[in-house]
Amino acid sequence: MENHSLALNNVFHALADPTRRSVIARLGRGSASIKDLAEPFGLGLPSFLKHIKVLELSGLIASEKVGRVRTCTLKRENLAAAETWFEQQRLAWQSRYDNLDDLLTNLKGEESEN
């Protein structure tokens, strides 16, 4: 996935909020109803549903209504975009640190020769 893709931007926007990150963490243990998800936050249902909408629009969760109960499920495959981006960043920075270590080792070796 491209660095600046709309999907990746939406995922990071969704994960920027601690309430939404908590919802994602909770759904990592299994599907749950909106009522169960909202309970720990002490938010009114309309406010909490805004968080759910952001998560759905980002593609991180899906919800299904059966009767009067709306159940949310984590779409794990869509977290892969963020995971891939972080892994690319980790590898790039690891390479930079390795190069810096090599440079410092070489400079230290040259210094001790003089």
PDB file of N, CA and C in Angstrom:
ATOM      1  N   MET A   1       0.843  -1.177   0.000  1.00  0.00           N
ATOM      2  CA  MET A   1       0.000   0.000   0.000  1.00  0.00           C
ATOM      3  C   MET A   1       0.885   1.236   0.000  1.00  0.00           C
ATOM      4  N   GLU A   2       0.506   2.215  -0.778  1.00  0.00           N
ATOM      5  CA  GLU A   2       1.288   3.436  -0.881  1.00  0.00           C
ATOM      6  C   GLU A   2       1.349   4.172   0.446  1.00  0.00           C
ATOM      7  N   ASN A   3       2.404   4.941   0.594  1.00  0.00           N
ATOM      8  CA  ASN A   3       2.619   5.700   1.819  1.00  0.00           C
ATOM      9  C   ASN A   3       1.502   6.694   2.085  1.00  0.00           C
ATOM     10  N   HIS A   4       0.957   7.305   1.035  1.00  0.00           N
ATOM     11  CA  HIS A   4      -0.043   8.353   1.225  1.00  0.00           C
ATOM     12  C   HIS A   4      -1.433   7.939   0.755  1.00  0.00           C
ATOM     13  N   SER A   5      -1.717   6.667   0.732  1.00  0.00           N
ATOM     14  CA  SER A   5      -3.014   6.225   0.240  1.00  0.00           C
ATOM     15  C   SER A   5      -4.132   6.654   1.186  1.00  0.00           C
ATOM     16  N   LEU A   6      -5.293   6.870   0.612  1.00  0.00           N
ATOM     17  CA  LEU A   6      -6.453   7.286   1.391  1.00  0.00           C
ATOM     18  C   LEU A   6      -6.822   6.243   2.437  1.00  0.00           C
ATOM     19  N   ALA A   7      -6.742   4.966   2.069  1.00  0.00           N
ATOM     20  CA  ALA A   7      -7.081   3.906   3.022  1.00  0.00           C
ATOM     21  C   ALA A   7      -6.165   3.936   4.241  1.00  0.00           C
ATOM     22  N   LEU A   8      -4.875   4.101   4.014  1.00  0.00           N
ATOM     23  CA  LEU A   8      -3.928   4.149   5.130  1.00  0.00           C
ATOM     24  C   LEU A   8      -4.175   5.394   5.981  1.00  0.00           C
ATOM     25  N   ASN A   9      -4.451   6.514   5.346  1.00  0.00           N
ATOM     26  CA  ASN A   9      -4.769   7.733   6.101  1.00  0.00           C
ATOM     27  C   ASN A   9      -5.988   7.518   6.983  1.00  0.00           C
ATOM     28  N   ASN A  10      -6.994   6.856   6.450  1.00  0.00           N
ATOM     29  CA  ASN A  10      -8.211   6.596   7.222  1.00  0.00           C
ATOM     30  C   ASN A  10      -7.944   5.681   8.406  1.00  0.00           C
ATOM     31  N   VAL A  11      -7.085   4.693   8.211  1.00  0.00           N
ATOM     32  CA  VAL A  11      -6.742   3.781   9.301  1.00  0.00           C
ATOM     33  C   VAL A  11      -6.032   4.543  10.415  1.00  0.00           C
ATOM     34  N   PHE A  12      -5.044   5.366  10.051  1.00  0.00           N
ATOM     35  CA  PHE A  12      -4.326   6.118  11.082  1.00  0.00           C
ATOM     36  C   PHE A  12      -5.227   7.147  11.757  1.00  0.00           C
ATOM     37  N   HIS A  13      -6.132   7.758  11.007  1.00  0.00           N
ATOM     38  CA  HIS A  13      -7.088   8.683  11.615  1.00  0.00           C
ATOM     39  C   HIS A  13      -7.944   7.944  12.640  1.00  0.00           C
ATOM     40  N   ALA A  14      -8.420   6.780  12.263  1.00  0.00           N
ATOM     41  CA  ALA A  14      -9.266   5.998  13.175  1.00  0.00           C
ATOM     42  C   ALA A  14      -8.496   5.597  14.423  1.00  0.00           C
ATOM     43  N   LEU A  15      -7.238   5.234  14.264  1.00  0.00           N
ATOM     44  CA  LEU A  15      -6.433   4.774  15.402  1.00  0.00           C
ATOM     45  C   LEU A  15      -5.870   5.922  16.234  1.00  0.00           C
ATOM     46  N   ALA A  16      -6.059   7.151  15.785  1.00  0.00           N
ATOM     47  CA  ALA A  16      -5.526   8.306  16.508  1.00  0.00           C
ATOM     48  C   ALA A  16      -6.263   8.583  17.817  1.00  0.00           C
ATOM     49  N   ASP A  17      -7.455   8.062  17.949  1.00  0.00           N
ATOM     50  CA  ASP A  17      -8.262   8.333  19.131  1.00  0.00           C
ATOM     51  C   ASP A  17      -8.169   7.176  20.125  1.00  0.00           C
ATOM     52  N   PRO A  18      -7.931   7.465  21.412  1.00  0.00           N
ATOM     53  CA  PRO A  18      -7.790   6.386  22.400  1.00  0.00           C
ATOM     54  C   PRO A  18      -9.054   5.544  22.583  1.00  0.00           C
ATOM     55  N   THR A  19     -10.211   6.156  22.446  1.00  0.00           N
ATOM     56  CA  THR A  19     -11.453   5.379  22.559  1.00  0.00           C
ATOM     57  C   THR A  19     -11.530   4.356  21.438  1.00  0.00           C
ATOM     58  N   ARG A  20     -11.215   4.787  20.220  1.00  0.00           N
ATOM     59  CA  ARG A  20     -11.275   3.870  19.079  1.00  0.00           C
ATOM     60  C   ARG A  20     -10.208   2.788  19.183  1.00  0.00           C
ATOM     61  N   ARG A  21      -9.029   3.145  19.683  1.00  0.00           N
ATOM     62  CA  ARG A  21      -7.995   2.117  19.874  1.00  0.00           C
ATOM     63  C   ARG A  21      -8.462   1.086  20.897  1.00  0.00           C
ATOM     64  N   SER A  22      -9.144   1.537  21.943  1.00  0.00           N
ATOM     65  CA  SER A  22      -9.672   0.605  22.938  1.00  0.00           C
ATOM     66  C   SER A  22     -10.728  -0.308  22.347  1.00  0.00           C
ATOM     67  N   VAL A  23     -11.560   0.235  21.478  1.00  0.00           N
ATOM     68  CA  VAL A  23     -12.574  -0.585  20.811  1.00  0.00           C
ATOM     69  C   VAL A  23     -11.897  -1.645  19.953  1.00  0.00           C
ATOM     70  N   ILE A  24     -10.867  -1.249  19.209  1.00  0.00           N
ATOM     71  CA  ILE A  24     -10.130  -2.205  18.372  1.00  0.00           C
ATOM     72  C   ILE A  24      -9.508  -3.291  19.255  1.00  0.00           C
ATOM     73  N   ALA A  25      -8.907  -2.891  20.363  1.00  0.00           N
ATOM     74  CA  ALA A  25      -8.295  -3.874  21.274  1.00  0.00           C
ATOM     75  C   ALA A  25      -9.347  -4.836  21.806  1.00  0.00           C
ATOM     76  N   ARG A  26     -10.507  -4.310  22.182  1.00  0.00           N
ATOM     77  CA  ARG A  26     -11.581  -5.170  22.690  1.00  0.00           C
ATOM     78  C   ARG A  26     -12.069  -6.129  21.615  1.00  0.00           C
ATOM     79  N   LEU A  27     -12.238  -5.636  20.393  1.00  0.00           N
ATOM     80  CA  LEU A  27     -12.713  -6.496  19.306  1.00  0.00           C
ATOM     81  C   LEU A  27     -11.661  -7.526  18.899  1.00  0.00           C
ATOM     82  N   GLY A  28     -10.430  -7.299  19.277  1.00  0.00           N
ATOM     83  CA  GLY A  28      -9.384  -8.291  19.036  1.00  0.00           C
ATOM     84  C   GLY A  28      -9.635  -9.584  19.798  1.00  0.00           C
ATOM     85  N   ARG A  29     -10.447  -9.509  20.833  1.00  0.00           N
ATOM     86  CA  ARG A  29     -10.803 -10.697  21.629  1.00  0.00           C
ATOM     87  C   ARG A  29     -12.077 -11.363  21.114  1.00  0.00           C
ATOM     88  N   GLY A  30     -12.754 -10.711  20.160  1.00  0.00           N
ATOM     89  CA  GLY A  30     -13.978 -11.278  19.605  1.00  0.00           C
ATOM     90  C   GLY A  30     -15.042 -10.222  19.394  1.00  0.00           C
ATOM     91  N   SER A  31     -16.047 -10.579  18.634  1.00  0.00           N
ATOM     92  CA  SER A  31     -17.147  -9.661  18.322  1.00  0.00           C
ATOM     93  C   SER A  31     -17.874  -9.237  19.597  1.00  0.00           C
ATOM     94  N   ALA A  32     -18.498  -8.049  19.524  1.00  0.00           N
ATOM     95  CA  ALA A  32     -19.235  -7.528  20.681  1.00  0.00           C
ATOM     96  C   ALA A  32     -20.325  -6.589  20.201  1.00  0.00           C
ATOM     97  N   SER A  33     -21.342  -6.465  21.022  1.00  0.00           N
ATOM     98  CA  SER A  33     -22.436  -5.544  20.701  1.00  0.00           C
ATOM     99  C   SER A  33     -21.991  -4.111  20.969  1.00  0.00           C
ATOM    100  N   ILE A  34     -22.657  -3.183  20.314  1.00  0.00           N
ATOM    101  CA  ILE A  34     -22.379  -1.758  20.540  1.00  0.00           C
ATOM    102  C   ILE A  34     -22.555  -1.427  22.021  1.00  0.00           C
ATOM    103  N   LYS A  35     -23.600  -1.956  22.631  1.00  0.00           N
ATOM    104  CA  LYS A  35     -23.865  -1.688  24.045  1.00  0.00           C
ATOM    105  C   LYS A  35     -22.701  -2.142  24.914  1.00  0.00           C
ATOM    106  N   ASP A  36     -22.192  -3.348  24.662  1.00  0.00           N
ATOM    107  CA  ASP A  36     -21.063  -3.857  25.438  1.00  0.00           C
ATOM    108  C   ASP A  36     -19.792  -3.051  25.188  1.00  0.00           C
ATOM    109  N   LEU A  37     -19.592  -2.632  23.943  1.00  0.00           N
ATOM    110  CA  LEU A  37     -18.407  -1.841  23.618  1.00  0.00           C
ATOM    111  C   LEU A  37     -18.450  -0.462  24.268  1.00  0.00           C
ATOM    112  N   ALA A  38     -19.634   0.135  24.321  1.00  0.00           N
ATOM    113  CA  ALA A  38     -19.779   1.495  24.847  1.00  0.00           C
ATOM    114  C   ALA A  38     -19.697   1.560  26.369  1.00  0.00           C
ATOM    115  N   GLU A  39     -20.055   0.488  27.037  1.00  0.00           N
ATOM    116  CA  GLU A  39     -20.186   0.483  28.494  1.00  0.00           C
ATOM    117  C   GLU A  39     -18.986   1.045  29.248  1.00  0.00           C
ATOM    118  N   PRO A  40     -17.746   0.629  28.952  1.00  0.00           N
ATOM    119  CA  PRO A  40     -16.622   1.115  29.767  1.00  0.00           C
ATOM    120  C   PRO A  40     -16.296   2.597  29.609  1.00  0.00           C
ATOM    121  N   PHE A  41     -16.840   3.253  28.600  1.00  0.00           N
ATOM    122  CA  PHE A  41     -16.431   4.625  28.309  1.00  0.00           C
ATOM    123  C   PHE A  41     -17.313   5.684  28.941  1.00  0.00           C
ATOM    124  N   GLY A  42     -18.488   5.334  29.391  1.00  0.00           N
ATOM    125  CA  GLY A  42     -19.375   6.312  30.003  1.00  0.00           C
ATOM    126  C   GLY A  42     -19.837   7.388  29.035  1.00  0.00           C
ATOM    127  N   LEU A  43     -19.815   7.092  27.750  1.00  0.00           N
ATOM    128  CA  LEU A  43     -20.294   8.030  26.738  1.00  0.00           C
ATOM    129  C   LEU A  43     -21.745   7.744  26.421  1.00  0.00           C
ATOM    130  N   GLY A  44     -22.456   8.778  25.989  1.00  0.00           N
ATOM    131  CA  GLY A  44     -23.803   8.560  25.495  1.00  0.00           C
ATOM    132  C   GLY A  44     -23.717   7.756  24.200  1.00  0.00           C
ATOM    133  N   LEU A  45     -24.745   7.001  23.922  1.00  0.00           N
ATOM    134  CA  LEU A  45     -24.739   6.162  22.728  1.00  0.00           C
ATOM    135  C   LEU A  45     -24.515   6.964  21.443  1.00  0.00           C
ATOM    136  N   PRO A  46     -25.148   8.145  21.262  1.00  0.00           N
ATOM    137  CA  PRO A  46     -24.892   8.900  20.029  1.00  0.00           C
ATOM    138  C   PRO A  46     -23.417   9.287  19.865  1.00  0.00           C
ATOM    139  N   SER A  47     -22.770   9.675  20.951  1.00  0.00           N
ATOM    140  CA  SER A  47     -21.341  10.019  20.886  1.00  0.00           C
ATOM    141  C   SER A  47     -20.499   8.794  20.562  1.00  0.00           C
ATOM    142  N   PHE A  48     -20.824   7.687  21.188  1.00  0.00           N
ATOM    143  CA  PHE A  48     -20.055   6.468  20.941  1.00  0.00           C
ATOM    144  C   PHE A  48     -20.245   5.975  19.505  1.00  0.00           C
ATOM    145  N   LEU A  49     -21.449   6.122  18.975  1.00  0.00           N
ATOM    146  CA  LEU A  49     -21.721   5.676  17.609  1.00  0.00           C
ATOM    147  C   LEU A  49     -20.895   6.451  16.579  1.00  0.00           C
ATOM    148  N   LYS A  50     -20.513   7.682  16.906  1.00  0.00           N
ATOM    149  CA  LYS A  50     -19.617   8.440  16.012  1.00  0.00           C
ATOM    150  C   LYS A  50     -18.269   7.735  15.897  1.00  0.00           C
ATOM    151  N   HIS A  51     -17.777   7.199  17.014  1.00  0.00           N
ATOM    152  CA  HIS A  51     -16.517   6.450  16.982  1.00  0.00           C
ATOM    153  C   HIS A  51     -16.675   5.185  16.132  1.00  0.00           C
ATOM    154  N   ILE A  52     -17.790   4.522  16.292  1.00  0.00           N
ATOM    155  CA  ILE A  52     -18.046   3.302  15.523  1.00  0.00           C
ATOM    156  C   ILE A  52     -18.080   3.621  14.035  1.00  0.00           C
ATOM    157  N   LYS A  53     -18.700   4.730  13.685  1.00  0.00           N
ATOM    158  CA  LYS A  53     -18.793   5.122  12.276  1.00  0.00           C
ATOM    159  C   LYS A  53     -17.403   5.367  11.692  1.00  0.00           C
ATOM    160  N   VAL A  54     -16.539   6.050  12.433  1.00  0.00           N
ATOM    161  CA  VAL A  54     -15.177   6.298  11.961  1.00  0.00           C
ATOM    162  C   VAL A  54     -14.450   4.972  11.739  1.00  0.00           C
ATOM    163  N   LEU A  55     -14.603   4.047  12.675  1.00  0.00           N
ATOM    164  CA  LEU A  55     -13.948   2.742  12.543  1.00  0.00           C
ATOM    165  C   LEU A  55     -14.485   1.966  11.348  1.00  0.00           C
ATOM    166  N   GLU A  56     -15.788   2.061  11.119  1.00  0.00           N
ATOM    167  CA  GLU A  56     -16.370   1.376   9.963  1.00  0.00           C
ATOM    168  C   GLU A  56     -15.902   2.002   8.654  1.00  0.00           C
ATOM    169  N   LEU A  57     -15.887   3.328   8.593  1.00  0.00           N
ATOM    170  CA  LEU A  57     -15.452   4.010   7.367  1.00  0.00           C
ATOM    171  C   LEU A  57     -13.980   3.742   7.059  1.00  0.00           C
ATOM    172  N   SER A  58     -13.192   3.512   8.087  1.00  0.00           N
ATOM    173  CA  SER A  58     -11.771   3.211   7.884  1.00  0.00           C
ATOM    174  C   SER A  58     -11.571   1.770   7.420  1.00  0.00           C
ATOM    175  N   GLY A  59     -12.600   0.960   7.562  1.00  0.00           N
ATOM    176  CA  GLY A  59     -12.497  -0.447   7.172  1.00  0.00           C
ATOM    177  C   GLY A  59     -11.938  -1.346   8.260  1.00  0.00           C
ATOM    178  N   LEU A  60     -11.775  -0.805   9.474  1.00  0.00           N
ATOM    179  CA  LEU A  60     -11.209  -1.610  10.558  1.00  0.00           C
ATOM    180  C   LEU A  60     -12.224  -2.519  11.223  1.00  0.00           C
ATOM    181  N   ILE A  61     -13.494  -2.128  11.175  1.00  0.00           N
ATOM    182  CA  ILE A  61     -14.530  -2.974  11.754  1.00  0.00           C
ATOM    183  C   ILE A  61     -15.715  -3.062  10.792  1.00  0.00           C
ATOM    184  N   ALA A  62     -16.525  -4.052  11.024  1.00  0.00           N
ATOM    185  CA  ALA A  62     -17.805  -4.193  10.326  1.00  0.00           C
ATOM    186  C   ALA A  62     -18.861  -4.394  11.394  1.00  0.00           C
ATOM    187  N   SER A  63     -20.068  -3.955  11.104  1.00  0.00           N
ATOM    188  CA  SER A  63     -21.145  -4.185  12.060  1.00  0.00           C
ATOM    189  C   SER A  63     -22.336  -4.791  11.336  1.00  0.00           C
ATOM    190  N   GLU A  64     -23.099  -5.544  12.096  1.00  0.00           N
ATOM    191  CA  GLU A  64     -24.274  -6.206  11.557  1.00  0.00           C
ATOM    192  C   GLU A  64     -25.388  -6.072  12.581  1.00  0.00           C
ATOM    193  N   LYS A  65     -26.559  -5.716  12.100  1.00  0.00           N
ATOM    194  CA  LYS A  65     -27.698  -5.553  12.988  1.00  0.00           C
ATOM    195  C   LYS A  65     -28.616  -6.760  12.838  1.00  0.00           C
ATOM    196  N   VAL A  66     -28.891  -7.399  13.964  1.00  0.00           N
ATOM    197  CA  VAL A  66     -29.840  -8.509  14.012  1.00  0.00           C
ATOM    198  C   VAL A  66     -30.869  -8.133  15.062  1.00  0.00           C
ATOM    199  N   GLY A  67     -32.075  -7.889  14.620  1.00  0.00           N
ATOM    200  CA  GLY A  67     -33.106  -7.420  15.547  1.00  0.00           C
ATOM    201  C   GLY A  67     -32.745  -6.037  16.032  1.00  0.00           C
ATOM    202  N   ARG A  68     -32.639  -5.891  17.337  1.00  0.00           N
ATOM    203  CA  ARG A  68     -32.299  -4.589  17.933  1.00  0.00           C
ATOM    204  C   ARG A  68     -30.843  -4.508  18.340  1.00  0.00           C
ATOM    205  N   VAL A  69     -30.079  -5.549  18.074  1.00  0.00           N
ATOM    206  CA  VAL A  69     -28.682  -5.597  18.518  1.00  0.00           C
ATOM    207  C   VAL A  69     -27.749  -5.446  17.325  1.00  0.00           C
ATOM    208  N   ARG A  70     -26.846  -4.463  17.414  1.00  0.00           N
ATOM    209  CA  ARG A  70     -25.816  -4.271  16.402  1.00  0.00           C
ATOM    210  C   ARG A  70     -24.508  -4.824  16.972  1.00  0.00           C
ATOM    211  N   THR A  71     -23.915  -5.763  16.242  1.00  0.00           N
ATOM    212  CA  THR A  71     -22.688  -6.424  16.678  1.00  0.00           C
ATOM    213  C   THR A  71     -21.538  -6.002  15.771  1.00  0.00           C
ATOM    214  N   CYS A  72     -20.421  -5.685  16.386  1.00  0.00           N
ATOM    215  CA  CYS A  72     -19.229  -5.261  15.649  1.00  0.00           C
ATOM    216  C   CYS A  72     -18.200  -6.384  15.624  1.00  0.00           C
ATOM    217  N   THR A  73     -17.475  -6.447  14.519  1.00  0.00           N
ATOM    218  CA  THR A  73     -16.420  -7.440  14.322  1.00  0.00           C
ATOM    219  C   THR A  73     -15.189  -6.730  13.773  1.00  0.00           C
ATOM    220  N   LEU A  74     -14.033  -7.107  14.264  1.00  0.00           N
ATOM    221  CA  LEU A  74     -12.773  -6.559  13.787  1.00  0.00           C
ATOM    222  C   LEU A  74     -12.446  -7.151  12.421  1.00  0.00           C
ATOM    223  N   LYS A  75     -12.036  -6.303  11.496  1.00  0.00           N
ATOM    224  CA  LYS A  75     -11.594  -6.758  10.182  1.00  0.00           C
ATOM    225  C   LYS A  75     -10.055  -6.760  10.212  1.00  0.00           C
ATOM    226  N   ARG A  76      -9.518  -7.834  10.729  1.00  0.00           N
ATOM    227  CA  ARG A  76      -8.077  -7.943  10.980  1.00  0.00           C
ATOM    228  C   ARG A  76      -7.231  -7.687   9.745  1.00  0.00           C
ATOM    229  N   GLU A  77      -7.720  -8.109   8.599  1.00  0.00           N
ATOM    230  CA  GLU A  77      -6.932  -7.949   7.377  1.00  0.00           C
ATOM    231  C   GLU A  77      -6.684  -6.476   7.054  1.00  0.00           C
ATOM    232  N   ASN A  78      -7.575  -5.591   7.498  1.00  0.00           N
ATOM    233  CA  ASN A  78      -7.386  -4.178   7.210  1.00  0.00           C
ATOM    234  C   ASN A  78      -6.406  -3.506   8.171  1.00  0.00           C
ATOM    235  N   LEU A  79      -6.108  -4.148   9.271  1.00  0.00           N
ATOM    236  CA  LEU A  79      -5.030  -3.657  10.138  1.00  0.00           C
ATOM    237  C   LEU A  79      -3.668  -3.920   9.501  1.00  0.00           C
ATOM    238  N   ALA A  80      -3.637  -4.821   8.536  1.00  0.00           N
ATOM    239  CA  ALA A  80      -2.384  -5.178   7.876  1.00  0.00           C
ATOM    240  C   ALA A  80      -1.749  -3.981   7.184  1.00  0.00           C
ATOM    241  N   ALA A  81      -2.555  -3.053   6.677  1.00  0.00           N
ATOM    242  CA  ALA A  81      -2.001  -1.868   6.014  1.00  0.00           C
ATOM    243  C   ALA A  81      -1.134  -1.064   6.982  1.00  0.00           C
ATOM    244  N   ALA A  82      -1.646  -0.842   8.183  1.00  0.00           N
ATOM    245  CA  ALA A  82      -0.873  -0.100   9.183  1.00  0.00           C
ATOM    246  C   ALA A  82       0.341  -0.906   9.624  1.00  0.00           C
ATOM    247  N   GLU A  83       0.157  -2.191   9.809  1.00  0.00           N
ATOM    248  CA  GLU A  83       1.262  -3.055  10.219  1.00  0.00           C
ATOM    249  C   GLU A  83       2.373  -3.046   9.176  1.00  0.00           C
ATOM    250  N   THR A  84       2.002  -3.113   7.909  1.00  0.00           N
ATOM    251  CA  THR A  84       2.986  -3.088   6.825  1.00  0.00           C
ATOM    252  C   THR A  84       3.743  -1.767   6.816  1.00  0.00           C
ATOM    253  N   TRP A  85       3.020  -0.666   6.993  1.00  0.00           N
ATOM    254  CA  TRP A  85       3.668   0.642   7.002  1.00  0.00           C
ATOM    255  C   TRP A  85       4.662   0.739   8.155  1.00  0.00           C
ATOM    256  N   PHE A  86       4.259   0.292   9.347  1.00  0.00           N
ATOM    257  CA  PHE A  86       5.165   0.328  10.495  1.00  0.00           C
ATOM    258  C   PHE A  86       6.389  -0.550  10.259  1.00  0.00           C
ATOM    259  N   GLU A  87       6.195  -1.714   9.657  1.00  0.00           N
ATOM    260  CA  GLU A  87       7.323  -2.603   9.390  1.00  0.00           C
ATOM    261  C   GLU A  87       8.296  -1.964   8.405  1.00  0.00           C
ATOM    262  N   GLN A  88       7.773  -1.304   7.381  1.00  0.00           N
ATOM    263  CA  GLN A  88       8.639  -0.605   6.422  1.00  0.00           C
ATOM    264  C   GLN A  88       9.433   0.489   7.114  1.00  0.00           C
ATOM    265  N   GLN A  89       8.783   1.224   7.999  1.00  0.00           N
ATOM    266  CA  GLN A  89       9.477   2.280   8.738  1.00  0.00           C
ATOM    267  C   GLN A  89      10.539   1.695   9.669  1.00  0.00           C
ATOM    268  N   ARG A  90      10.197   0.601  10.334  1.00  0.00           N
ATOM    269  CA  ARG A  90      11.157  -0.041  11.239  1.00  0.00           C
ATOM    270  C   ARG A  90      12.394  -0.491  10.479  1.00  0.00           C
ATOM    271  N   LEU A  91      12.180  -1.120   9.319  1.00  0.00           N
ATOM    272  CA  LEU A  91      13.309  -1.588   8.512  1.00  0.00           C
ATOM    273  C   LEU A  91      14.165  -0.431   8.020  1.00  0.00           C
ATOM    274  N   ALA A  92      13.533   0.650   7.589  1.00  0.00           N
ATOM    275  CA  ALA A  92      14.288   1.815   7.112  1.00  0.00           C
ATOM    276  C   ALA A  92      15.128   2.409   8.234  1.00  0.00           C
ATOM    277  N   TRP A  93      14.523   2.559   9.418  1.00  0.00           N
ATOM    278  CA  TRP A  93      15.273   3.132  10.530  1.00  0.00           C
ATOM    279  C   TRP A  93      16.351   2.178  11.038  1.00  0.00           C
ATOM    280  N   GLN A  94      16.077   0.896  11.020  1.00  0.00           N
ATOM    281  CA  GLN A  94      17.089  -0.072  11.432  1.00  0.00           C
ATOM    282  C   GLN A  94      18.307   0.022  10.518  1.00  0.00           C
ATOM    283  N   SER A  95      18.072   0.158   9.230  1.00  0.00           N
ATOM    284  CA  SER A  95      19.169   0.306   8.273  1.00  0.00           C
ATOM    285  C   SER A  95      19.962   1.580   8.556  1.00  0.00           C
ATOM    286  N   ARG A  96      19.259   2.662   8.851  1.00  0.00           N
ATOM    287  CA  ARG A  96      19.941   3.926   9.162  1.00  0.00           C
ATOM    288  C   ARG A  96      20.798   3.798  10.417  1.00  0.00           C
ATOM    289  N   TYR A  97      20.245   3.150  11.447  1.00  0.00           N
ATOM    290  CA  TYR A  97      21.017   2.964  12.676  1.00  0.00           C
ATOM    291  C   TYR A  97      22.219   2.057  12.447  1.00  0.00           C
ATOM    292  N   ASP A  98      22.047   1.016  11.630  1.00  0.00           N
ATOM    293  CA  ASP A  98      23.179   0.138  11.313  1.00  0.00           C
ATOM    294  C   ASP A  98      24.269   0.920  10.600  1.00  0.00           C
ATOM    295  N   ASN A  99      23.876   1.775   9.652  1.00  0.00           N
ATOM    296  CA  ASN A  99      24.863   2.601   8.945  1.00  0.00           C
ATOM    297  C   ASN A  99      25.566   3.555   9.900  1.00  0.00           C
ATOM    298  N   LEU A 100      24.829   4.134  10.821  1.00  0.00           N
ATOM    299  CA  LEU A 100      25.422   5.034  11.807  1.00  0.00           C
ATOM    300  C   LEU A 100      26.393   4.270  12.710  1.00  0.00           C
ATOM    301  N   ASP A 101      26.015   3.072  13.148  1.00  0.00           N
ATOM    302  CA  ASP A 101      26.917   2.248  13.958  1.00  0.00           C
ATOM    303  C   ASP A 101      28.209   1.952  13.209  1.00  0.00           C
ATOM    304  N   ASP A 102      28.086   1.599  11.925  1.00  0.00           N
ATOM    305  CA  ASP A 102      29.266   1.321  11.115  1.00  0.00           C
ATOM    306  C   ASP A 102      30.159   2.559  11.008  1.00  0.00           C
ATOM    307  N   LEU A 103      29.552   3.713  10.762  1.00  0.00           N
ATOM    308  CA  LEU A 103      30.310   4.956  10.661  1.00  0.00           C
ATOM    309  C   LEU A 103      31.039   5.260  11.962  1.00  0.00           C
ATOM    310  N   LEU A 104      30.338   5.131  13.085  1.00  0.00           N
ATOM    311  CA  LEU A 104      30.956   5.420  14.378  1.00  0.00           C
ATOM    312  C   LEU A 104      32.082   4.441  14.686  1.00  0.00           C
ATOM    313  N   THR A 105      31.900   3.176  14.322  1.00  0.00           N
ATOM    314  CA  THR A 105      32.951   2.184  14.521  1.00  0.00           C
ATOM    315  C   THR A 105      34.179   2.529  13.681  1.00  0.00           C
ATOM    316  N   ASN A 106      33.959   2.909  12.434  1.00  0.00           N
ATOM    317  CA  ASN A 106      35.075   3.293  11.554  1.00  0.00           C
ATOM    318  C   ASN A 106      35.782   4.537  12.064  1.00  0.00           C
ATOM    319  N   LEU A 107      35.017   5.530  12.509  1.00  0.00           N
ATOM    320  CA  LEU A 107      35.628   6.753  13.029  1.00  0.00           C
ATOM    321  C   LEU A 107      36.416   6.462  14.302  1.00  0.00           C
ATOM    322  N   LYS A 108      35.892   5.605  15.138  1.00  0.00           N
ATOM    323  CA  LYS A 108      36.585   5.243  16.372  1.00  0.00           C
ATOM    324  C   LYS A 108      37.882   4.500  16.044  1.00  0.00           C
ATOM    325  N   GLY A 109      37.832   3.634  15.030  1.00  0.00           N
ATOM    326  CA  GLY A 109      39.027   2.912  14.609  1.00  0.00           C
ATOM    327  C   GLY A 109      40.084   3.848  14.051  1.00  0.00           C
ATOM    328  N   GLU A 110      39.683   4.820  13.250  1.00  0.00           N
ATOM    329  CA  GLU A 110      40.615   5.801  12.691  1.00  0.00           C
ATOM    330  C   GLU A 110      41.213   6.666  13.793  1.00  0.00           C
ATOM    331  N   GLU A 111      40.415   7.001  14.782  1.00  0.00           N
ATOM    332  CA  GLU A 111      40.865   7.832  15.892  1.00  0.00           C
ATOM    333  C   GLU A 111      41.921   7.117  16.716  1.00  0.00           C
ATOM    334  N   SER A 112      41.733   5.820  16.930  1.00  0.00           N
ATOM    335  CA  SER A 112      42.682   5.061  17.753  1.00  0.00           C
ATOM    336  C   SER A 112      43.975   4.787  16.986  1.00  0.00           C
ATOM    337  N   GLU A 113      43.935   4.817  15.648  1.00  0.00           N
ATOM    338  CA  GLU A 113      45.151   4.629  14.850  1.00  0.00           C
ATOM    339  C   GLU A 113      46.052   5.843  14.904  1.00  0.00           C
ATOM    340  N   ASN A 114      45.469   7.009  15.157  1.00  0.00           N
ATOM    341  CA  ASN A 114      46.260   8.257  15.170  1.00  0.00           C
ATOM    342  C   ASN A 114      46.843   8.506  16.493  1.00  0.00           C
TER     343      ASN A 114
END
